C-alpha atoms as a PDB file:
ATOM      1  CA  MET A   1     -35.690  62.709 -66.022  1.00  0.00           C
ATOM      2  CA  THR A   2     -39.051  61.733 -65.645  1.00  0.00           C
ATOM      3  CA  VAL A   3     -39.688  58.638 -63.725  1.00  0.00           C
ATOM      4  CA  THR A   4     -43.158  57.191 -64.207  1.00  0.00           C
ATOM      5  CA  PRO A   5     -45.011  55.789 -60.828  1.00  0.00           C
ATOM      6  CA  PRO A   6     -45.514  52.399 -61.079  1.00  0.00           C
ATOM      7  CA  ALA A   7     -49.552  51.565 -61.744  1.00  0.00           C
ATOM      8  CA  ARG A   8     -51.666  50.587 -59.014  1.00  0.00           C
ATOM      9  CA  SER A   9     -53.496  47.377 -59.473  1.00  0.00           C
ATOM     10  CA  PRO A  10     -56.842  48.275 -59.365  1.00  0.00           C
ATOM     11  CA  ARG A  11     -59.524  47.102 -56.658  1.00  0.00           C
ATOM     12  CA  ARG A  12     -61.326  44.089 -56.631  1.00  0.00           C
ATOM     13  CA  ARG A  13     -64.630  45.251 -56.729  1.00  0.00           C
ATOM     14  CA  VAL A  14     -67.581  42.940 -55.831  1.00  0.00           C
ATOM     15  CA  PRO A  15     -69.951  42.671 -59.227  1.00  0.00           C
ATOM     16  CA  ARG A  16     -73.141  45.589 -58.324  1.00  0.00           C
ATOM     17  CA  ASN A  17     -75.767  44.420 -56.209  1.00  0.00           C
ATOM     18  CA  THR A  18     -74.581  41.708 -54.957  1.00  0.00           C
ATOM     19  CA  LEU A  19     -73.136  43.404 -51.425  1.00  0.00           C
ATOM     20  CA  ASN A  20     -75.713  42.395 -48.584  1.00  0.00           C
ATOM     21  CA  PRO A  21     -75.619  42.063 -44.726  1.00  0.00           C
ATOM     22  CA  ASP A  22     -74.652  38.298 -44.585  1.00  0.00           C
ATOM     23  CA  ARG A  23     -71.428  39.165 -47.152  1.00  0.00           C
ATOM     24  CA  ILE A  24     -70.479  41.787 -44.849  1.00  0.00           C
ATOM     25  CA  LEU A  25     -70.513  39.871 -41.621  1.00  0.00           C
ATOM     26  CA  GLY A  26     -68.555  36.961 -43.185  1.00  0.00           C
ATOM     27  CA  ALA A  27     -66.105  39.617 -44.274  1.00  0.00           C
ATOM     28  CA  ALA A  28     -65.944  41.005 -40.551  1.00  0.00           C
ATOM     29  CA  VAL A  29     -65.478  37.375 -39.299  1.00  0.00           C
ATOM     30  CA  ALA A  30     -62.669  36.567 -41.484  1.00  0.00           C
ATOM     31  CA  LEU A  31     -61.073  39.778 -41.008  1.00  0.00           C
ATOM     32  CA  LEU A  32     -61.172  39.494 -37.138  1.00  0.00           C
ATOM     33  CA  ASP A  33     -59.857  35.867 -37.351  1.00  0.00           C
ATOM     34  CA  ARG A  34     -56.797  37.001 -39.554  1.00  0.00           C
ATOM     35  CA  ARG A  35     -56.019  40.218 -37.782  1.00  0.00           C
ATOM     36  CA  GLY A  36     -57.387  40.775 -34.581  1.00  0.00           C
ATOM     37  CA  THR A  37     -60.208  42.993 -33.041  1.00  0.00           C
ATOM     38  CA  GLU A  38     -58.180  46.335 -33.505  1.00  0.00           C
ATOM     39  CA  ALA A  39     -57.774  46.089 -37.333  1.00  0.00           C
ATOM     40  CA  LEU A  40     -62.050  46.000 -37.733  1.00  0.00           C
ATOM     41  CA  THR A  41     -62.922  49.340 -39.003  1.00  0.00           C
ATOM     42  CA  MET A  42     -65.653  50.300 -41.311  1.00  0.00           C
ATOM     43  CA  ARG A  43     -62.422  51.247 -43.940  1.00  0.00           C
ATOM     44  CA  ALA A  44     -60.925  47.929 -43.776  1.00  0.00           C
ATOM     45  CA  LEU A  45     -63.870  46.117 -43.784  1.00  0.00           C
ATOM     46  CA  ALA A  46     -64.666  47.587 -47.350  1.00  0.00           C
ATOM     47  CA  GLN A  47     -61.264  47.202 -48.591  1.00  0.00           C
ATOM     48  CA  GLU A  48     -61.549  43.344 -47.133  1.00  0.00           C
ATOM     49  CA  LEU A  49     -65.102  43.211 -49.551  1.00  0.00           C
ATOM     50  CA  GLY A  50     -63.675  45.135 -52.386  1.00  0.00           C
ATOM     51  CA  VAL A  51     -65.756  47.874 -51.999  1.00  0.00           C
ATOM     52  CA  GLY A  52     -66.046  51.966 -50.936  1.00  0.00           C
ATOM     53  CA  THR A  53     -66.817  52.495 -47.183  1.00  0.00           C
ATOM     54  CA  MET A  54     -70.023  54.495 -48.184  1.00  0.00           C
ATOM     55  CA  ALA A  55     -71.272  50.850 -49.910  1.00  0.00           C
ATOM     56  CA  VAL A  56     -71.074  49.409 -46.146  1.00  0.00           C
ATOM     57  CA  TYR A  57     -72.680  51.995 -44.178  1.00  0.00           C
ATOM     58  CA  SER A  58     -75.313  51.488 -46.447  1.00  0.00           C
ATOM     59  CA  HIS A  59     -76.473  48.375 -44.525  1.00  0.00           C
ATOM     60  CA  PHE A  60     -74.700  49.002 -41.066  1.00  0.00           C
ATOM     61  CA  LYS A  61     -74.616  52.251 -39.083  1.00  0.00           C
ATOM     62  CA  GLY A  62     -71.535  51.776 -37.889  1.00  0.00           C
ATOM     63  CA  LYS A  63     -68.808  49.486 -36.391  1.00  0.00           C
ATOM     64  CA  ASP A  64     -70.781  48.824 -33.082  1.00  0.00           C
ATOM     65  CA  GLU A  65     -73.577  47.787 -35.221  1.00  0.00           C
ATOM     66  CA  ILE A  66     -71.829  45.389 -36.992  1.00  0.00           C
ATOM     67  CA  ILE A  67     -69.867  43.659 -33.738  1.00  0.00           C
ATOM     68  CA  ASP A  68     -73.475  43.601 -32.284  1.00  0.00           C
ATOM     69  CA  ALA A  69     -74.591  41.423 -35.835  1.00  0.00           C
ATOM     70  CA  VAL A  70     -71.088  39.440 -35.255  1.00  0.00           C
ATOM     71  CA  ASN A  71     -71.495  38.490 -31.803  1.00  0.00           C
ATOM     72  CA  GLU A  72     -75.226  37.542 -32.776  1.00  0.00           C
ATOM     73  CA  ARG A  73     -73.695  35.924 -35.601  1.00  0.00           C
ATOM     74  CA  LEU A  74     -70.643  33.583 -33.571  1.00  0.00           C
ATOM     75  CA  ILE A  75     -72.970  32.687 -30.763  1.00  0.00           C
ATOM     76  CA  GLY A  76     -75.613  31.168 -32.677  1.00  0.00           C
ATOM     77  CA  GLU A  77     -72.940  28.844 -34.472  1.00  0.00           C
ATOM     78  CA  ILE A  78     -73.056  26.972 -30.790  1.00  0.00           C
ATOM     79  CA  GLU A  79     -75.830  24.663 -31.226  1.00  0.00           C
ATOM     80  CA  LEU A  80     -78.097  23.498 -28.272  1.00  0.00           C
ATOM     81  CA  PRO A  81     -78.569  19.593 -27.070  1.00  0.00           C
ATOM     82  CA  SER A  82     -81.697  18.575 -29.074  1.00  0.00           C
ATOM     83  CA  GLY A  83     -82.878  16.817 -25.680  1.00  0.00           C
ATOM     84  CA  SER A  84     -82.133  13.405 -25.901  1.00  0.00           C
ATOM     85  CA  GLY A  85     -79.768  11.736 -24.080  1.00  0.00           C
ATOM     86  CA  ALA A  86     -78.347  11.963 -20.542  1.00  0.00           C
ATOM     87  CA  PRO A  87     -77.597  15.160 -18.715  1.00  0.00           C
ATOM     88  CA  ARG A  88     -74.166  14.707 -18.775  1.00  0.00           C
ATOM     89  CA  GLU A  89     -73.681  13.786 -22.296  1.00  0.00           C
ATOM     90  CA  GLN A  90     -75.368  16.651 -23.455  1.00  0.00           C
ATOM     91  CA  LEU A  91     -73.191  18.997 -21.086  1.00  0.00           C
ATOM     92  CA  ILE A  92     -70.107  17.898 -22.815  1.00  0.00           C
ATOM     93  CA  GLU A  93     -71.582  18.928 -26.263  1.00  0.00           C
ATOM     94  CA  LEU A  94     -72.590  22.168 -25.172  1.00  0.00           C
ATOM     95  CA  CYS A  95     -68.982  22.774 -23.940  1.00  0.00           C
ATOM     96  CA  LEU A  96     -67.596  21.608 -27.036  1.00  0.00           C
ATOM     97  CA  GLY A  97     -69.600  23.839 -28.957  1.00  0.00           C
ATOM     98  CA  VAL A  98     -68.228  26.496 -26.855  1.00  0.00           C
ATOM     99  CA  TYR A  99     -64.726  25.380 -27.160  1.00  0.00           C
ATOM    100  CA  ARG A 100     -64.742  24.827 -30.642  1.00  0.00           C
ATOM    101  CA  LEU A 101     -66.455  28.662 -31.314  1.00  0.00           C
ATOM    102  CA  PHE A 102     -63.517  30.252 -29.313  1.00  0.00           C
ATOM    103  CA  SER A 103     -60.477  27.986 -30.553  1.00  0.00           C
ATOM    104  CA  GLU A 104     -61.559  28.783 -34.118  1.00  0.00           C
ATOM    105  CA  HIS A 105     -62.706  32.584 -33.812  1.00  0.00           C
ATOM    106  CA  PRO A 106     -59.682  34.181 -31.557  1.00  0.00           C
ATOM    107  CA  SER A 107     -61.449  37.149 -31.357  1.00  0.00           C
ATOM    108  CA  ALA A 108     -64.909  36.139 -30.735  1.00  0.00           C
ATOM    109  CA  LEU A 109     -64.251  36.236 -26.500  1.00  0.00           C
ATOM    110  CA  GLN A 110     -62.684  39.715 -26.757  1.00  0.00           C
ATOM    111  CA  LEU A 111     -65.648  41.123 -29.008  1.00  0.00           C
ATOM    112  CA  LEU A 112     -68.197  39.511 -26.585  1.00  0.00           C
ATOM    113  CA  THR A 113     -66.780  41.457 -23.613  1.00  0.00           C
ATOM    114  CA  SER A 114     -66.006  44.492 -25.367  1.00  0.00           C
ATOM    115  CA  ARG A 115     -70.168  45.331 -25.825  1.00  0.00           C
ATOM    116  CA  PRO A 116     -73.247  44.505 -23.763  1.00  0.00           C
ATOM    117  CA  LEU A 117     -74.650  41.221 -25.554  1.00  0.00           C
ATOM    118  CA  ARG A 118     -78.131  42.554 -27.074  1.00  0.00           C
ATOM    119  CA  GLY A 119     -79.354  39.107 -28.364  1.00  0.00           C
ATOM    120  CA  ASP A 120     -80.534  35.956 -26.992  1.00  0.00           C
ATOM    121  CA  GLU A 121     -77.942  33.584 -27.886  1.00  0.00           C
ATOM    122  CA  ALA A 122     -75.230  33.957 -24.816  1.00  0.00           C
ATOM    123  CA  VAL A 123     -78.508  33.909 -22.646  1.00  0.00           C
ATOM    124  CA  ALA A 124     -79.524  30.584 -24.288  1.00  0.00           C
ATOM    125  CA  VAL A 125     -76.310  29.078 -24.115  1.00  0.00           C
ATOM    126  CA  ILE A 126     -76.265  29.789 -20.188  1.00  0.00           C
ATOM    127  CA  ASP A 127     -79.876  28.831 -19.280  1.00  0.00           C
ATOM    128  CA  ARG A 128     -79.377  25.350 -21.016  1.00  0.00           C
ATOM    129  CA  MET A 129     -76.032  24.535 -19.080  1.00  0.00           C
ATOM    130  CA  LEU A 130     -77.755  25.538 -15.756  1.00  0.00           C
ATOM    131  CA  CYS A 131     -80.871  23.469 -17.010  1.00  0.00           C
ATOM    132  CA  LEU A 132     -78.587  20.121 -17.707  1.00  0.00           C
ATOM    133  CA  LEU A 133     -76.699  20.525 -14.423  1.00  0.00           C
ATOM    134  CA  ILE A 134     -80.109  20.747 -12.301  1.00  0.00           C
ATOM    135  CA  GLU A 135     -81.125  17.874 -14.322  1.00  0.00           C
ATOM    136  CA  ALA A 136     -78.096  16.103 -13.641  1.00  0.00           C
ATOM    137  CA  GLY A 137     -78.632  15.941  -9.628  1.00  0.00           C
ATOM    138  CA  LEU A 138     -77.339  19.119  -8.476  1.00  0.00           C
ATOM    139  CA  GLU A 139     -79.051  21.717  -6.697  1.00  0.00           C
ATOM    140  CA  PRO A 140     -79.630  25.233  -8.186  1.00  0.00           C
ATOM    141  CA  SER A 141     -76.359  26.909  -6.147  1.00  0.00           C
ATOM    142  CA  ALA A 142     -74.241  23.959  -6.783  1.00  0.00           C
ATOM    143  CA  ALA A 143     -75.110  24.008 -10.480  1.00  0.00           C
ATOM    144  CA  VAL A 144     -74.245  28.075 -11.313  1.00  0.00           C
ATOM    145  CA  ARG A 145     -70.414  27.513  -9.556  1.00  0.00           C
ATOM    146  CA  ALA A 146     -70.357  24.495 -11.446  1.00  0.00           C
ATOM    147  CA  GLN A 147     -71.725  26.346 -14.956  1.00  0.00           C
ATOM    148  CA  VAL A 148     -69.181  29.042 -14.082  1.00  0.00           C
ATOM    149  CA  ALA A 149     -66.533  26.746 -13.916  1.00  0.00           C
ATOM    150  CA  LEU A 150     -67.164  24.866 -17.043  1.00  0.00           C
ATOM    151  CA  MET A 151     -66.709  28.172 -18.751  1.00  0.00           C
ATOM    152  CA  GLN A 152     -63.704  29.457 -17.194  1.00  0.00           C
ATOM    153  CA  TYR A 153     -62.370  25.948 -18.023  1.00  0.00           C
ATOM    154  CA  THR A 154     -63.485  25.952 -21.837  1.00  0.00           C
ATOM    155  CA  ILE A 155     -62.604  29.951 -22.146  1.00  0.00           C
ATOM    156  CA  GLY A 156     -58.926  29.207 -20.763  1.00  0.00           C
ATOM    157  CA  ALA A 157     -58.758  25.342 -22.586  1.00  0.00           C
ATOM    158  CA  SER A 158     -59.897  27.606 -25.826  1.00  0.00           C
ATOM    159  CA  LEU A 159     -57.056  30.627 -25.353  1.00  0.00           C
ATOM    160  CA  TRP A 160     -54.434  27.825 -24.616  1.00  0.00           C
ATOM    161  CA  ALA A 161     -55.059  26.338 -28.336  1.00  0.00           C
ATOM    162  CA  VAL A 162     -55.576  29.354 -29.942  1.00  0.00           C
ATOM    163  CA  ARG A 163     -51.862  30.496 -28.253  1.00  0.00           C
ATOM    164  CA  ARG A 164     -50.028  27.532 -29.336  1.00  0.00           C
ATOM    165  CA  ARG A 165     -51.199  26.956 -33.062  1.00  0.00           C
ATOM    166  CA  ARG A 166     -50.033  30.613 -33.451  1.00  0.00           C
ATOM    167  CA  ALA A 167     -46.571  29.781 -31.927  1.00  0.00           C
ATOM    168  CA  GLU A 168     -46.033  26.980 -34.033  1.00  0.00           C
ATOM    169  CA  CYS A 169     -47.256  28.797 -37.272  1.00  0.00           C
ATOM    170  CA  GLY A 170     -45.113  32.040 -36.248  1.00  0.00           C
ATOM    171  CA  GLU A 171     -41.532  31.899 -37.951  1.00  0.00           C
ATOM    172  CA  ALA A 172     -39.809  33.042 -34.801  1.00  0.00           C
ATOM    173  CA  GLU A 173     -41.076  29.656 -33.213  1.00  0.00           C
ATOM    174  CA  ALA A 174     -39.681  27.557 -35.941  1.00  0.00           C
ATOM    175  CA  GLY A 175     -38.823  24.462 -33.649  1.00  0.00           C
ATOM    176  CA  LEU A 176     -40.575  25.630 -30.811  1.00  0.00           C
ATOM    177  CA  GLN A 177     -42.017  21.949 -30.396  1.00  0.00           C
ATOM    178  CA  GLU A 178     -38.368  20.636 -30.627  1.00  0.00           C
ATOM    179  CA  ARG A 179     -36.726  22.987 -27.847  1.00  0.00           C
ATOM    180  CA  ILE A 180     -39.038  21.865 -25.734  1.00  0.00           C
ATOM    181  CA  ARG A 181     -38.380  18.267 -26.126  1.00  0.00           C
ATOM    182  CA  ARG A 182     -34.631  18.724 -25.805  1.00  0.00           C
ATOM    183  CA  ARG A 183     -35.218  21.049 -22.618  1.00  0.00           C
ATOM    184  CA  LEU A 184     -37.520  18.529 -21.252  1.00  0.00           C
ATOM    185  CA  ALA A 185     -35.135  15.516 -22.231  1.00  0.00           C
ATOM    186  CA  ASP A 186     -32.077  17.398 -20.549  1.00  0.00           C
ATOM    187  CA  LEU A 187     -33.426  17.427 -16.744  1.00  0.00           C
ATOM    188  CA  PRO A 188     -31.743  15.548 -14.375  1.00  0.00           C
ATOM    189  CA  PRO A 189     -33.841  12.723 -12.965  1.00  0.00           C
ATOM    190  CA  ASP A 190     -32.910  13.106  -9.649  1.00  0.00           C
ATOM    191  CA  SER A 191     -33.996  16.475  -9.300  1.00  0.00           C
ATOM    192  CA  TYR A 192     -37.315  15.591 -10.903  1.00  0.00           C
ATOM    193  CA  PRO A 193     -38.088  12.564 -10.918  1.00  0.00           C
ATOM    194  CA  SER A 194     -41.862  12.654 -12.193  1.00  0.00           C
ATOM    195  CA  LEU A 195     -41.307  15.588 -14.872  1.00  0.00           C
ATOM    196  CA  ALA A 196     -37.813  13.495 -16.643  1.00  0.00           C
ATOM    197  CA  GLY A 197     -39.676  10.567 -16.468  1.00  0.00           C
ATOM    198  CA  LEU A 198     -43.280  11.846 -18.174  1.00  0.00           C
ATOM    199  CA  ALA A 199     -41.786  14.130 -20.356  1.00  0.00           C
ATOM    200  CA  PRO A 200     -43.064  12.441 -23.502  1.00  0.00           C
ATOM    201  CA  GLU A 201     -46.684  12.184 -22.651  1.00  0.00           C
ATOM    202  CA  LEU A 202     -46.559  15.951 -21.068  1.00  0.00           C
ATOM    203  CA  VAL A 203     -45.419  16.838 -24.932  1.00  0.00           C
ATOM    204  CA  THR A 204     -48.143  15.028 -26.283  1.00  0.00           C
ATOM    205  CA  ALA A 205     -50.816  15.927 -24.105  1.00  0.00           C
ATOM    206  CA  GLN A 206     -49.700  20.005 -24.665  1.00  0.00           C
ATOM    207  CA  GLN A 207     -50.126  19.207 -28.236  1.00  0.00           C
ATOM    208  CA  SER A 208     -53.243  17.423 -28.415  1.00  0.00           C
ATOM    209  CA  GLY A 209     -55.937  19.992 -28.428  1.00  0.00           C
ATOM    210  CA  ARG A 210     -58.997  18.959 -28.568  1.00  0.00           C
ATOM    211  CA  ALA A 211     -58.485  15.633 -27.183  1.00  0.00           C
ATOM    212  CA  GLN A 212     -56.788  17.425 -24.253  1.00  0.00           C
ATOM    213  CA  TYR A 213     -59.513  19.347 -23.973  1.00  0.00           C
ATOM    214  CA  GLU A 214     -62.102  16.396 -23.915  1.00  0.00           C
ATOM    215  CA  ALA A 215     -60.210  14.580 -20.936  1.00  0.00           C
ATOM    216  CA  GLY A 216     -60.261  17.410 -18.764  1.00  0.00           C
ATOM    217  CA  LEU A 217     -63.978  18.133 -19.377  1.00  0.00           C
ATOM    218  CA  ALA A 218     -64.909  14.635 -18.320  1.00  0.00           C
ATOM    219  CA  ALA A 219     -62.757  14.783 -15.267  1.00  0.00           C
ATOM    220  CA  LEU A 220     -63.996  18.051 -14.408  1.00  0.00           C
ATOM    221  CA  LEU A 221     -67.785  16.724 -14.952  1.00  0.00           C
ATOM    222  CA  ASP A 222     -66.989  13.776 -13.128  1.00  0.00           C
ATOM    223  CA  GLY A 223     -66.266  15.805  -9.785  1.00  0.00           C
ATOM    224  CA  LEU A 224     -68.928  18.299 -10.321  1.00  0.00           C
ATOM    225  CA  LEU A 225     -71.562  15.761 -10.859  1.00  0.00           C
ATOM    226  CA  ARG A 226     -70.325  13.576  -8.003  1.00  0.00           C
ATOM    227  CA  THR A 227     -70.643  16.515  -5.653  1.00  0.00           C
END
């Protein structure tokens, strides 16, 4: 008896002469956001685009060159403040741009630390932040420490947002929020008076994403600029 193997569905290919660096980088970002940095290979990227691997090599020498270009593209999404408005408001705008980058592109931070930065975009963000802190009245040494604190808080908050989003979307975590609510509701008030009394507010704060980040950023800036 002869068994005929199932026919493979033909790979979707892009029209001839339409592949360009911009399309390749867009596909690389989509692949990274969906599957993480370990999934980025020249072969996987070619499959994402529906082309042969050599077609990608005709635009980029290899994976490292693509990573450098993706880094530059992602950091370039952060808009530097125009210069109008108080330094504090411009700092909020700039920090929100960094927060959006890392929360919307989960692999961006790992990519940025995997290779030395070759473009000027990241340097421009740091320089602008330092300038605004000095304009706000901080001494240079205090401005440096404040800039590091702002970046640490922003990166941590964006990673927190990504982690919670993934947990809420995972099938294994279905009902996670309800389990947390029940656990907090069952806490004995005599043992945990503050937590038991503020459980609903705590859950809301943990789920509020950007709103919680902005609240923490405002409090952090108040303390830094007052100092």
